[in-house]
Protein backbone atom coordinates (compact mmCIF):
# COMPACT_ATOMS: atom_id res chain seq x y z
CA ILE A 1 139.42 1.67 100.02
CA ASP A 2 141.68 1.98 103.03
CA MET A 3 140.04 5.25 104.09
CA ARG A 4 136.54 3.75 103.65
CA ARG A 5 137.48 0.87 105.94
CA ARG A 6 138.59 3.28 108.65
CA LEU A 7 135.28 5.14 108.74
CA ASP A 8 132.50 4.44 111.19
CA LYS A 9 129.93 2.14 109.51
CA ARG A 10 127.31 4.91 109.80
CA ILE A 11 129.35 7.15 107.48
CA LYS A 12 128.94 6.79 103.75
CA MET A 13 131.98 6.99 101.48
CA TYR A 14 131.24 8.69 98.15
CA THR A 15 133.68 7.92 95.38
CA GLY A 16 134.61 10.79 93.11
CA ASP A 17 137.14 8.54 91.36
CA ASP A 18 136.29 8.75 87.66
CA PHE A 19 139.05 6.25 86.86
CA ASN A 20 138.23 3.22 89.05
CA TYR A 21 134.59 3.71 90.02
CA ALA A 22 133.25 0.28 88.98
CA GLU A 23 135.38 -1.62 91.49
CA LEU A 24 134.82 0.96 94.23
CA ILE A 25 131.03 0.88 93.83
CA ALA A 26 130.90 -2.92 93.62
CA GLY A 27 133.02 -3.09 96.76
CA ASP A 28 134.05 -6.23 98.57
CA ASN A 29 133.11 -8.16 101.67
CA GLN A 30 134.27 -5.23 103.81
CA GLY A 31 132.17 -2.51 102.16
CA PHE A 32 131.59 -0.37 99.11
CA SER A 33 131.61 3.27 98.03
CA HIS A 34 128.56 5.24 97.03
CA ALA A 35 128.85 7.04 93.72
CA LEU A 36 129.16 10.77 93.22
CA LEU A 37 130.65 10.97 89.76
CA GLY A 38 130.81 13.45 86.91
CA ILE A 39 130.77 10.60 84.36
CA PHE A 40 127.28 9.58 85.48
CA ASP A 41 125.92 12.59 83.57
CA ALA A 42 127.26 11.14 80.30
CA ILE A 43 126.30 7.50 81.01
CA ALA A 44 123.13 7.90 83.09
CA PRO A 45 121.05 5.14 81.41
CA ALA A 46 123.92 2.64 81.60
CA ALA A 47 124.78 3.62 85.17
CA SER A 48 121.18 3.31 86.25
CA TYR A 49 120.85 -0.15 84.71
CA ALA A 50 124.22 -1.29 86.10
CA LEU A 51 123.27 -0.16 89.61
CA SER A 52 119.97 -1.99 89.34
CA ARG A 53 121.91 -5.17 88.44
CA LEU A 54 124.15 -4.68 91.48
CA ALA A 55 121.15 -4.11 93.75
CA ALA A 56 119.65 -7.37 92.43
CA GLY A 57 122.84 -9.25 93.41
CA ASP A 58 124.12 -9.55 89.84
CA GLU A 59 127.67 -8.28 90.23
CA ALA A 60 128.76 -9.78 86.91
CA GLY A 61 125.94 -7.98 85.14
CA PHE A 62 126.92 -4.76 86.90
CA HIS A 63 130.49 -5.07 85.64
CA ASP A 64 129.32 -6.09 82.14
CA VAL A 65 127.38 -2.85 81.83
CA LEU A 66 129.55 -0.40 83.77
CA GLY A 67 133.00 -1.76 82.97
CA PRO A 68 132.99 -0.61 79.33
CA THR A 69 132.21 2.94 80.46
CA VAL A 70 135.45 3.29 82.45
CA PRO A 71 137.72 3.98 79.44
CA LEU A 72 135.35 6.79 78.32
CA SER A 73 135.50 8.29 81.78
CA ARG A 74 139.27 8.04 81.89
CA HIS A 75 139.42 9.89 78.58
CA ILE A 76 136.96 12.62 79.55
CA PHE A 77 138.62 13.27 82.90
CA LYS A 78 142.27 12.94 81.93
CA ALA A 79 144.55 15.86 82.58
CA PRO A 80 144.12 18.69 82.19
CA THR A 81 140.63 18.30 83.65
CA ARG A 82 139.84 21.98 83.20
CA PHE A 83 139.41 21.02 79.49
CA TYR A 84 136.75 18.33 79.88
CA LYS A 85 136.40 16.71 76.53
């Protein structure tokens, strides 16, 4: 988040954080991160719907859909990551 705030506004920040992506994508009043995540392969339908909720201004709906996927992502990408589950 700190790094994203230091970037020029014309530069996009892509999160590769498979542990905290929901909050990074939702962002705050100072910006948000674009998503570039391995977990999106496993949760594509949910991620697509969640992002559509966010685009429609429904942040609660976004978190309702995407939030429950975070524990799965944390499990899949826990160390050692060379042994993706």
